[in-house]
Amino acid sequence: MSVRIRLKRLGAKKRPFYRVVVADQRSPRDGRFIENIGRYQPLDDPSVIEIDEERALYWLGVGAQPSNTVKVLMTKVGIWDRFASEKKDANARAS
């Protein structure tokens, strides 16, 4: 099973907000998901990005691939940089 971290769209027409979810790659965008790990509200000023860092790092650690948009959001809140540095440290210790 290929797991992705991606956005699930909610909200009214022209008033979207999103949940950051972990889902099987084959499931529909707004379909079943494994775990809800955050939310993103792009229409608020400034936009609200809340992602559970511990759960996101866990899923990235077990091989979940973020969508391009989620990767940008993780970079904005610092989760992606932390994951990259932890992965780099683990690789350095392994060799």
C-alpha atoms as a PDB file:
ATOM      1  CA  MET A   1       0.000   0.000   0.000  1.00  0.00           C
ATOM      2  CA  SER A   2       1.413   3.348  -1.060  1.00  0.00           C
ATOM      3  CA  VAL A   3       0.658   6.012   1.543  1.00  0.00           C
ATOM      4  CA  ARG A   4       0.477   9.751   0.846  1.00  0.00           C
ATOM      5  CA  ILE A   5       0.119  12.804   3.050  1.00  0.00           C
ATOM      6  CA  ARG A   6      -2.267  15.102   1.197  1.00  0.00           C
ATOM      7  CA  LEU A   7      -5.090  17.617   1.498  1.00  0.00           C
ATOM      8  CA  LYS A   8      -8.764  16.691   1.830  1.00  0.00           C
ATOM      9  CA  ARG A   9     -11.085  19.521   0.724  1.00  0.00           C
ATOM     10  CA  LEU A  10     -13.950  20.580   2.943  1.00  0.00           C
ATOM     11  CA  GLY A  11     -16.097  23.702   3.208  1.00  0.00           C
ATOM     12  CA  ALA A  12     -18.661  25.441   1.069  1.00  0.00           C
ATOM     13  CA  LYS A  13     -18.373  26.386  -2.574  1.00  0.00           C
ATOM     14  CA  LYS A  14     -15.676  29.067  -3.006  1.00  0.00           C
ATOM     15  CA  ARG A  15     -14.907  28.888   0.760  1.00  0.00           C
ATOM     16  CA  PRO A  16     -12.578  25.899   0.991  1.00  0.00           C
ATOM     17  CA  PHE A  17     -10.597  24.675   3.927  1.00  0.00           C
ATOM     18  CA  TYR A  18      -8.523  21.534   4.011  1.00  0.00           C
ATOM     19  CA  ARG A  19      -7.552  18.753   6.349  1.00  0.00           C
ATOM     20  CA  VAL A  20      -4.058  17.317   6.110  1.00  0.00           C
ATOM     21  CA  VAL A  21      -4.634  13.564   6.018  1.00  0.00           C
ATOM     22  CA  VAL A  22      -2.673  10.369   5.586  1.00  0.00           C
ATOM     23  CA  ALA A  23      -4.387   8.230   2.948  1.00  0.00           C
ATOM     24  CA  ASP A  24      -3.835   5.373   0.547  1.00  0.00           C
ATOM     25  CA  GLN A  25      -2.691   6.820  -2.767  1.00  0.00           C
ATOM     26  CA  ARG A  26      -5.480   5.005  -4.625  1.00  0.00           C
ATOM     27  CA  SER A  27      -8.342   6.438  -2.548  1.00  0.00           C
ATOM     28  CA  PRO A  28     -10.253   9.499  -3.846  1.00  0.00           C
ATOM     29  CA  ARG A  29      -9.203  12.985  -2.732  1.00  0.00           C
ATOM     30  CA  ASP A  30     -12.147  13.375  -0.373  1.00  0.00           C
ATOM     31  CA  GLY A  31     -12.534   9.661   0.363  1.00  0.00           C
ATOM     32  CA  ARG A  32     -11.287   7.372   3.083  1.00  0.00           C
ATOM     33  CA  PHE A  33      -8.171   8.252   5.004  1.00  0.00           C
ATOM     34  CA  ILE A  34      -5.986   6.599   7.628  1.00  0.00           C
ATOM     35  CA  GLU A  35      -5.354   9.548   9.953  1.00  0.00           C
ATOM     36  CA  ASN A  36      -6.106  13.260  10.173  1.00  0.00           C
ATOM     37  CA  ILE A  37      -2.889  15.087  11.143  1.00  0.00           C
ATOM     38  CA  GLY A  38      -3.721  18.755  10.595  1.00  0.00           C
ATOM     39  CA  ARG A  39      -5.663  21.510   8.892  1.00  0.00           C
ATOM     40  CA  TYR A  40      -5.067  24.333   6.420  1.00  0.00           C
ATOM     41  CA  GLN A  41      -7.296  27.388   5.979  1.00  0.00           C
ATOM     42  CA  PRO A  42      -6.024  29.373   2.976  1.00  0.00           C
ATOM     43  CA  LEU A  43      -8.701  32.096   3.061  1.00  0.00           C
ATOM     44  CA  ASP A  44      -7.865  33.365   6.549  1.00  0.00           C
ATOM     45  CA  ASP A  45      -5.465  36.288   6.693  1.00  0.00           C
ATOM     46  CA  PRO A  46      -2.798  35.089   7.410  1.00  0.00           C
ATOM     47  CA  SER A  47      -3.620  31.556   6.325  1.00  0.00           C
ATOM     48  CA  VAL A  48      -3.782  28.989   9.132  1.00  0.00           C
ATOM     49  CA  ILE A  49      -1.490  25.960   8.895  1.00  0.00           C
ATOM     50  CA  GLU A  50      -1.669  23.480  11.773  1.00  0.00           C
ATOM     51  CA  ILE A  51       0.063  20.115  11.413  1.00  0.00           C
ATOM     52  CA  ASP A  52       0.740  17.650  14.245  1.00  0.00           C
ATOM     53  CA  GLU A  53       4.525  17.552  14.001  1.00  0.00           C
ATOM     54  CA  GLU A  54       4.970  14.287  15.903  1.00  0.00           C
ATOM     55  CA  ARG A  55       2.510  12.355  13.722  1.00  0.00           C
ATOM     56  CA  ALA A  56       3.793  13.931  10.495  1.00  0.00           C
ATOM     57  CA  LEU A  57       7.369  12.934  11.341  1.00  0.00           C
ATOM     58  CA  TYR A  58       6.182   9.426  12.198  1.00  0.00           C
ATOM     59  CA  TRP A  59       4.422   8.983   8.846  1.00  0.00           C
ATOM     60  CA  LEU A  60       7.349  10.457   6.927  1.00  0.00           C
ATOM     61  CA  GLY A  61       9.649   8.103   8.826  1.00  0.00           C
ATOM     62  CA  VAL A  62       7.688   5.022   7.785  1.00  0.00           C
ATOM     63  CA  GLY A  63       7.730   6.068   4.130  1.00  0.00           C
ATOM     64  CA  ALA A  64       4.629   8.194   3.491  1.00  0.00           C
ATOM     65  CA  GLN A  65       5.143  10.571   0.563  1.00  0.00           C
ATOM     66  CA  PRO A  66       3.752  14.115   0.888  1.00  0.00           C
ATOM     67  CA  SER A  67       1.971  15.757  -2.032  1.00  0.00           C
ATOM     68  CA  ASN A  68       3.699  18.814  -3.485  1.00  0.00           C
ATOM     69  CA  THR A  69       1.311  21.197  -1.708  1.00  0.00           C
ATOM     70  CA  VAL A  70       1.698  19.458   1.647  1.00  0.00           C
ATOM     71  CA  LYS A  71       5.483  19.502   1.245  1.00  0.00           C
ATOM     72  CA  VAL A  72       5.338  23.303   0.778  1.00  0.00           C
ATOM     73  CA  LEU A  73       3.103  23.646   3.856  1.00  0.00           C
ATOM     74  CA  MET A  74       5.457  21.457   5.913  1.00  0.00           C
ATOM     75  CA  THR A  75       8.380  23.599   4.804  1.00  0.00           C
ATOM     76  CA  LYS A  76       6.555  26.762   5.934  1.00  0.00           C
ATOM     77  CA  VAL A  77       5.997  25.402   9.449  1.00  0.00           C
ATOM     78  CA  GLY A  78       9.456  23.775   9.670  1.00  0.00           C
ATOM     79  CA  ILE A  79       8.471  20.106   9.742  1.00  0.00           C
ATOM     80  CA  TRP A  80      10.094  19.222   6.423  1.00  0.00           C
ATOM     81  CA  ASP A  81      13.436  20.775   7.441  1.00  0.00           C
ATOM     82  CA  ARG A  82      13.405  18.837  10.710  1.00  0.00           C
ATOM     83  CA  PHE A  83      12.626  15.588   8.871  1.00  0.00           C
ATOM     84  CA  ALA A  84      15.431  16.199   6.360  1.00  0.00           C
ATOM     85  CA  SER A  85      17.974  16.936   9.111  1.00  0.00           C
ATOM     86  CA  GLU A  86      16.931  13.849  11.129  1.00  0.00           C
ATOM     87  CA  LYS A  87      17.188  11.684   8.017  1.00  0.00           C
ATOM     88  CA  LYS A  88      20.616  13.146   7.214  1.00  0.00           C
ATOM     89  CA  ASP A  89      21.818  12.483  10.789  1.00  0.00           C
ATOM     90  CA  ALA A  90      20.514   8.906  10.667  1.00  0.00           C
ATOM     91  CA  ASN A  91      22.305   8.284   7.363  1.00  0.00           C
ATOM     92  CA  ALA A  92      25.536   9.746   8.754  1.00  0.00           C
ATOM     93  CA  ARG A  93      25.342   7.485  11.829  1.00  0.00           C
ATOM     94  CA  ALA A  94      24.617   4.426   9.671  1.00  0.00           C
ATOM     95  CA  SER A  95      27.711   4.860   7.521  1.00  0.00           C
END
